[in-house]
C-alpha atoms as a PDB file:
ATOM      1  CA  MET A   1      61.736 138.105 128.015  1.00  0.00           C
ATOM      2  CA  LEU A   2      62.955 137.290 131.497  1.00  0.00           C
ATOM      3  CA  TYR A   3      61.186 134.909 133.864  1.00  0.00           C
ATOM      4  CA  GLN A   4      61.360 134.195 137.574  1.00  0.00           C
ATOM      5  CA  ARG A   5      61.160 130.490 138.377  1.00  0.00           C
ATOM      6  CA  VAL A   6      58.923 129.311 141.209  1.00  0.00           C
ATOM      7  CA  LEU A   7      58.789 125.928 142.888  1.00  0.00           C
ATOM      8  CA  ILE A   8      55.403 124.264 143.196  1.00  0.00           C
ATOM      9  CA  ASN A   9      55.032 122.262 146.393  1.00  0.00           C
ATOM     10  CA  PRO A  10      52.141 120.409 148.016  1.00  0.00           C
ATOM     11  CA  SER A  11      50.220 122.768 150.286  1.00  0.00           C
ATOM     12  CA  VAL A  12      50.592 122.258 154.014  1.00  0.00           C
ATOM     13  CA  SER A  13      47.212 123.904 154.683  1.00  0.00           C
ATOM     14  CA  ALA A  14      44.959 121.786 152.452  1.00  0.00           C
ATOM     15  CA  SER A  15      45.191 118.363 150.901  1.00  0.00           C
ATOM     16  CA  ASN A  16      45.282 117.959 147.131  1.00  0.00           C
ATOM     17  CA  THR A  17      46.364 121.580 146.601  1.00  0.00           C
ATOM     18  CA  TYR A  18      49.704 123.212 145.843  1.00  0.00           C
ATOM     19  CA  GLU A  19      51.547 126.465 146.526  1.00  0.00           C
ATOM     20  CA  ALA A  20      53.982 128.341 144.308  1.00  0.00           C
ATOM     21  CA  VAL A  21      57.076 129.488 146.189  1.00  0.00           C
ATOM     22  CA  PRO A  22      59.785 131.763 144.704  1.00  0.00           C
ATOM     23  CA  ASP A  23      63.143 129.958 144.512  1.00  0.00           C
ATOM     24  CA  ASN A  24      65.295 133.109 144.876  1.00  0.00           C
ATOM     25  CA  ASN A  25      67.087 132.710 141.543  1.00  0.00           C
ATOM     26  CA  GLN A  26      67.756 135.743 139.399  1.00  0.00           C
ATOM     27  CA  PRO A  27      65.331 136.307 136.498  1.00  0.00           C
ATOM     28  CA  GLN A  28      66.509 134.457 133.386  1.00  0.00           C
ATOM     29  CA  GLU A  29      65.445 133.631 129.850  1.00  0.00           C
ATOM     30  CA  THR A  30      63.548 130.355 129.480  1.00  0.00           C
ATOM     31  CA  ALA A  31      66.450 128.646 127.670  1.00  0.00           C
ATOM     32  CA  ALA A  32      68.739 129.287 130.643  1.00  0.00           C
ATOM     33  CA  ILE A  33      66.143 128.021 133.118  1.00  0.00           C
ATOM     34  CA  PHE A  34      65.459 124.799 131.228  1.00  0.00           C
ATOM     35  CA  SER A  35      69.121 124.108 130.453  1.00  0.00           C
ATOM     36  CA  LYS A  36      69.607 123.320 134.162  1.00  0.00           C
ATOM     37  CA  ILE A  37      66.732 120.841 134.337  1.00  0.00           C
ATOM     38  CA  GLU A  38      67.284 117.137 133.840  1.00  0.00           C
ATOM     39  CA  GLY A  39      64.384 115.057 132.563  1.00  0.00           C
ATOM     40  CA  ASP A  40      61.465 115.600 130.218  1.00  0.00           C
ATOM     41  CA  VAL A  41      59.597 118.912 130.537  1.00  0.00           C
ATOM     42  CA  TYR A  42      55.885 119.332 129.725  1.00  0.00           C
ATOM     43  CA  GLN A  43      53.954 122.593 129.791  1.00  0.00           C
ATOM     44  CA  LEU A  44      50.565 122.061 131.413  1.00  0.00           C
ATOM     45  CA  GLY A  45      47.695 123.158 129.194  1.00  0.00           C
ATOM     46  CA  VAL A  46      49.881 122.970 126.064  1.00  0.00           C
ATOM     47  CA  ASP A  47      51.565 119.571 125.829  1.00  0.00           C
ATOM     48  CA  ILE A  48      49.973 116.134 125.870  1.00  0.00           C
ATOM     49  CA  LEU A  49      50.812 114.742 129.302  1.00  0.00           C
ATOM     50  CA  PRO A  50      52.106 111.197 129.722  1.00  0.00           C
ATOM     51  CA  ALA A  51      50.800 108.830 132.379  1.00  0.00           C
ATOM     52  CA  GLY A  52      51.814 109.880 135.872  1.00  0.00           C
ATOM     53  CA  ILE A  53      51.611 113.627 135.258  1.00  0.00           C
ATOM     54  CA  GLU A  54      48.539 115.490 136.446  1.00  0.00           C
ATOM     55  CA  ASP A  55      47.341 118.893 135.256  1.00  0.00           C
ATOM     56  CA  ILE A  56      47.410 120.634 138.639  1.00  0.00           C
ATOM     57  CA  ARG A  57      47.000 124.230 137.427  1.00  0.00           C
ATOM     58  CA  GLU A  58      43.596 124.740 139.070  1.00  0.00           C
ATOM     59  CA  LYS A  59      44.898 123.318 142.363  1.00  0.00           C
ATOM     60  CA  ILE A  60      47.718 125.872 142.778  1.00  0.00           C
ATOM     61  CA  HIS A  61      47.282 128.782 145.176  1.00  0.00           C
ATOM     62  CA  ASN A  62      48.964 131.909 143.753  1.00  0.00           C
ATOM     63  CA  LYS A  63      49.290 130.134 140.381  1.00  0.00           C
ATOM     64  CA  PRO A  64      52.225 131.242 138.199  1.00  0.00           C
ATOM     65  CA  GLU A  65      51.677 132.345 134.595  1.00  0.00           C
ATOM     66  CA  ARG A  66      53.132 129.141 133.136  1.00  0.00           C
ATOM     67  CA  VAL A  67      53.270 125.727 134.827  1.00  0.00           C
ATOM     68  CA  PHE A  68      55.517 122.827 133.846  1.00  0.00           C
ATOM     69  CA  ALA A  69      55.875 119.217 134.930  1.00  0.00           C
ATOM     70  CA  VAL A  70      59.314 117.656 134.925  1.00  0.00           C
ATOM     71  CA  LYS A  71      59.596 113.878 134.726  1.00  0.00           C
ATOM     72  CA  ASP A  72      63.028 112.635 135.704  1.00  0.00           C
ATOM     73  CA  GLY A  73      62.893 108.842 135.677  1.00  0.00           C
ATOM     74  CA  SER A  74      60.035 107.892 137.987  1.00  0.00           C
ATOM     75  CA  GLU A  75      60.065 111.262 139.804  1.00  0.00           C
ATOM     76  CA  VAL A  76      57.653 114.038 138.796  1.00  0.00           C
ATOM     77  CA  TYR A  77      57.839 117.592 140.091  1.00  0.00           C
ATOM     78  CA  TYR A  78      56.319 120.895 139.043  1.00  0.00           C
ATOM     79  CA  ILE A  79      57.772 124.360 138.466  1.00  0.00           C
ATOM     80  CA  GLY A  80      56.295 127.631 137.322  1.00  0.00           C
ATOM     81  CA  LEU A  81      57.429 130.755 135.516  1.00  0.00           C
ATOM     82  CA  ASN A  82      56.313 134.345 136.021  1.00  0.00           C
ATOM     83  CA  SER A  83      57.396 137.041 133.600  1.00  0.00           C
ATOM     84  CA  VAL A  84      59.457 139.868 135.026  1.00  0.00           C
ATOM     85  CA  ARG A  85      58.286 143.259 133.868  1.00  0.00           C
END
């Protein structure tokens, strides 16, 4: 199955919320998407999250189908995946 990756950024319109923004990459299989990511990847709602990673799924406007946290050293960022039909 192919997925479109989205970036999850803090919302400019409301505090403590996030927005999913398409990153303009071509749809890819999950292995290809994650092969380009450095750091530890955790799927929210599936994996046990280490300290410093928050389950933000309910705080995302236009929430993608799958949400992941990436911890690269002390930096944490979030991405999402939507299936392409």
